[in-house]
N, C-alpha and C. Protein backbone atom coordinates (compact mmCIF):
# COMPACT_ATOMS: atom_id res chain seq x y z
N UNK A 1 9.01 -16.82 -35.80
CA UNK A 1 8.13 -15.77 -36.34
C UNK A 1 6.94 -16.08 -35.91
N UNK A 2 6.66 -17.44 -35.52
CA UNK A 2 5.24 -17.92 -34.99
C UNK A 2 5.26 -18.21 -33.62
N UNK A 3 4.11 -18.18 -33.03
CA UNK A 3 3.92 -18.74 -31.54
C UNK A 3 3.83 -20.11 -31.45
N UNK A 4 4.66 -20.86 -30.82
CA UNK A 4 4.74 -22.23 -30.81
C UNK A 4 3.27 -22.83 -30.03
N UNK A 5 2.87 -24.08 -30.78
CA UNK A 5 1.68 -24.43 -30.15
C UNK A 5 1.81 -26.06 -29.98
N UNK A 6 1.39 -26.57 -28.89
CA UNK A 6 1.56 -27.88 -28.61
C UNK A 6 0.88 -28.65 -29.57
N UNK A 7 1.14 -29.83 -30.02
CA UNK A 7 0.65 -30.80 -31.09
C UNK A 7 0.97 -30.34 -32.52
N UNK A 8 1.62 -28.88 -32.68
CA UNK A 8 1.79 -28.36 -33.89
C UNK A 8 3.24 -28.32 -34.22
N UNK A 9 3.88 -27.50 -33.21
CA UNK A 9 5.12 -27.04 -33.46
C UNK A 9 6.27 -27.88 -33.23
N UNK A 10 7.30 -27.87 -34.14
CA UNK A 10 8.78 -28.49 -33.65
C UNK A 10 9.98 -27.70 -34.16
N UNK A 11 10.99 -28.06 -33.77
CA UNK A 11 12.13 -27.22 -34.37
C UNK A 11 13.13 -28.48 -34.90
N UNK A 12 13.64 -28.07 -36.11
CA UNK A 12 14.28 -29.03 -36.66
C UNK A 12 15.73 -28.37 -37.16
N UNK A 13 16.49 -29.31 -37.79
CA UNK A 13 17.76 -28.73 -38.17
C UNK A 13 17.51 -27.62 -39.49
N UNK A 14 18.64 -27.20 -39.86
CA UNK A 14 18.46 -25.82 -40.63
C UNK A 14 18.36 -26.35 -42.26
N UNK A 15 18.58 -27.76 -42.43
CA UNK A 15 18.63 -28.01 -43.89
C UNK A 15 16.75 -28.48 -44.07
N UNK A 16 15.96 -28.64 -43.00
CA UNK A 16 14.64 -28.65 -43.39
C UNK A 16 13.85 -27.49 -43.16
N UNK A 17 13.48 -26.95 -44.35
CA UNK A 17 12.67 -25.62 -44.47
C UNK A 17 11.74 -25.59 -43.47
N UNK A 18 11.35 -24.20 -43.08
CA UNK A 18 10.27 -23.94 -42.61
C UNK A 18 8.94 -24.07 -42.96
N UNK A 19 7.97 -24.39 -42.19
CA UNK A 19 6.56 -25.12 -42.60
C UNK A 19 6.70 -26.55 -43.27
N UNK A 20 7.50 -27.15 -43.25
CA UNK A 20 7.76 -28.54 -43.47
C UNK A 20 7.00 -29.39 -42.58
N UNK A 21 5.97 -30.21 -43.05
CA UNK A 21 5.18 -30.99 -42.28
C UNK A 21 6.13 -32.50 -42.02
N UNK A 22 6.11 -33.00 -40.88
CA UNK A 22 6.92 -34.15 -40.39
C UNK A 22 6.12 -34.93 -39.94
N UNK A 23 5.83 -36.19 -40.17
CA UNK A 23 5.35 -37.43 -39.61
C UNK A 23 6.07 -38.20 -38.51
N UNK A 24 5.92 -37.96 -37.26
CA UNK A 24 6.67 -38.47 -36.26
C UNK A 24 6.06 -39.57 -35.65
N UNK A 25 6.71 -40.74 -35.51
CA UNK A 25 6.06 -41.90 -34.99
C UNK A 25 5.65 -41.79 -33.59
N UNK A 26 4.35 -42.05 -33.44
CA UNK A 26 3.83 -42.22 -32.15
C UNK A 26 2.97 -40.83 -31.84
N UNK A 27 3.63 -39.41 -32.86
CA UNK A 27 3.19 -38.41 -32.29
C UNK A 27 1.96 -37.72 -33.30
N UNK A 28 2.40 -38.28 -34.63
CA UNK A 28 1.50 -37.68 -35.76
C UNK A 28 2.13 -36.41 -36.29
N UNK A 29 1.63 -35.67 -37.03
CA UNK A 29 2.26 -34.61 -37.74
C UNK A 29 2.29 -33.43 -36.96
N UNK A 30 3.89 -32.65 -37.15
CA UNK A 30 4.41 -31.42 -36.67
C UNK A 30 4.62 -30.87 -37.68
N UNK A 31 4.71 -29.43 -37.49
CA UNK A 31 5.13 -28.46 -38.53
C UNK A 31 6.55 -27.85 -38.04
N UNK A 32 7.37 -27.77 -38.92
CA UNK A 32 8.72 -26.74 -38.57
C UNK A 32 8.49 -25.47 -38.55
N UNK A 33 8.68 -25.00 -37.24
CA UNK A 33 8.33 -23.54 -36.99
C UNK A 33 9.28 -23.04 -36.32
N UNK A 34 10.67 -23.69 -35.92
CA UNK A 34 11.70 -23.33 -35.21
C UNK A 34 13.02 -23.93 -35.65
N UNK A 35 13.98 -23.35 -35.42
CA UNK A 35 15.41 -23.86 -35.63
C UNK A 35 16.05 -24.33 -34.28
N UNK A 36 17.15 -25.28 -34.49
CA UNK A 36 17.90 -25.80 -33.62
C UNK A 36 19.19 -25.18 -33.80
N UNK A 37 19.99 -25.29 -32.53
CA UNK A 37 21.40 -24.74 -32.78
C UNK A 37 22.17 -25.78 -33.64
N UNK A 38 23.21 -25.43 -34.22
CA UNK A 38 23.96 -26.36 -35.16
C UNK A 38 24.56 -27.44 -34.59
N UNK A 39 24.89 -27.41 -33.43
CA UNK A 39 25.56 -28.64 -32.62
C UNK A 39 24.26 -29.70 -32.47
N UNK A 40 23.09 -29.48 -32.47
CA UNK A 40 21.95 -30.23 -32.50
C UNK A 40 21.31 -30.51 -33.68
N UNK A 41 22.13 -30.69 -35.05
CA UNK A 41 21.64 -30.79 -36.26
C UNK A 41 21.06 -32.02 -36.52
N UNK A 42 21.39 -33.09 -35.83
CA UNK A 42 20.85 -34.47 -35.75
C UNK A 42 19.40 -34.80 -34.97
N UNK A 43 18.90 -33.87 -34.27
CA UNK A 43 17.35 -33.87 -33.66
C UNK A 43 16.38 -33.24 -34.25
N UNK A 44 15.34 -33.48 -33.66
CA UNK A 44 14.03 -32.59 -33.81
C UNK A 44 13.71 -32.53 -32.49
N UNK A 45 13.16 -31.20 -32.10
CA UNK A 45 12.88 -30.87 -30.84
C UNK A 45 11.17 -30.65 -30.89
N UNK A 46 10.30 -31.27 -29.97
CA UNK A 46 8.91 -31.19 -30.04
C UNK A 46 8.49 -30.30 -29.16
N UNK A 47 7.65 -29.42 -29.54
CA UNK A 47 7.21 -28.22 -28.28
C UNK A 47 6.10 -28.52 -27.52
N UNK A 48 6.58 -28.68 -26.32
CA UNK A 48 5.27 -28.82 -25.28
C UNK A 48 4.90 -27.70 -24.43
N UNK A 49 3.60 -27.52 -23.97
CA UNK A 49 3.29 -26.32 -23.26
C UNK A 49 3.77 -25.99 -21.86
N UNK A 50 4.21 -27.27 -21.33
CA UNK A 50 4.83 -26.91 -20.01
C UNK A 50 6.11 -27.94 -19.85
N UNK A 51 6.87 -27.67 -18.91
CA UNK A 51 8.18 -28.26 -18.71
C UNK A 51 7.84 -29.88 -18.23
N UNK A 52 6.74 -29.85 -17.49
CA UNK A 52 6.46 -31.04 -16.83
C UNK A 52 6.07 -32.12 -17.99
N UNK A 53 5.27 -31.64 -18.83
CA UNK A 53 5.01 -32.82 -20.01
C UNK A 53 6.31 -32.98 -20.88
N UNK A 54 7.18 -31.97 -21.06
CA UNK A 54 8.15 -32.44 -21.79
C UNK A 54 9.24 -33.35 -21.24
N UNK A 55 9.17 -33.13 -19.83
CA UNK A 55 9.98 -34.22 -19.02
C UNK A 55 9.51 -35.57 -19.04
N UNK A 56 8.33 -35.69 -19.05
CA UNK A 56 7.42 -36.88 -18.99
C UNK A 56 7.75 -37.51 -20.38
N UNK A 57 7.80 -36.58 -21.34
CA UNK A 57 7.88 -37.43 -22.70
C UNK A 57 9.23 -37.89 -22.92
N UNK A 58 10.23 -37.04 -22.43
CA UNK A 58 11.72 -37.53 -22.32
C UNK A 58 12.30 -37.48 -23.81
N UNK A 59 13.40 -37.99 -24.04
CA UNK A 59 14.34 -38.20 -25.08
C UNK A 59 13.95 -39.46 -25.60
N UNK A 60 13.64 -39.56 -27.32
CA UNK A 60 13.23 -40.85 -27.66
C UNK A 60 14.07 -40.80 -28.96
N UNK A 61 14.06 -42.10 -29.72
CA UNK A 61 14.41 -42.27 -30.90
C UNK A 61 13.04 -42.80 -31.65
N UNK A 62 12.79 -41.54 -32.64
CA UNK A 62 11.43 -41.97 -33.26
C UNK A 62 11.45 -42.02 -34.85
N UNK A 63 10.93 -42.68 -35.62
CA UNK A 63 10.93 -42.54 -37.10
C UNK A 63 10.38 -41.27 -37.46
N UNK A 64 10.95 -40.62 -38.30
CA UNK A 64 10.48 -39.09 -38.82
C UNK A 64 10.64 -39.25 -40.43
N UNK A 65 9.24 -39.07 -40.86
CA UNK A 65 9.35 -38.76 -42.37
C UNK A 65 8.97 -37.49 -42.80
N UNK A 66 9.41 -36.78 -43.78
CA UNK A 66 9.26 -35.58 -44.13
C UNK A 66 8.03 -35.64 -45.43
N UNK A 67 6.92 -35.12 -45.00
CA UNK A 67 5.67 -35.30 -45.84
C UNK A 67 5.68 -34.43 -47.15
N UNK A 68 5.67 -34.93 -48.12
CA UNK A 68 5.42 -33.87 -49.51
C UNK A 68 4.11 -33.65 -49.66
N UNK A 69 4.13 -32.46 -50.38
CA UNK A 69 3.09 -31.46 -50.34
C UNK A 69 2.27 -31.97 -51.62
């Protein structure tokens, strides 16, 4: 329902509610604004505004903490 924004948007598994804030190691805070396919239920996808930046960032295992309001 929302337009993704670099530095804000991430996609998460279905067990993490929309608008949940996640603290991601080296990246800071991101907000769950999208969902992943069920087969990727163990990941978080970070939104980048272009493909080149996404490729540069690559795949990483980072610590993620669900922020409490």
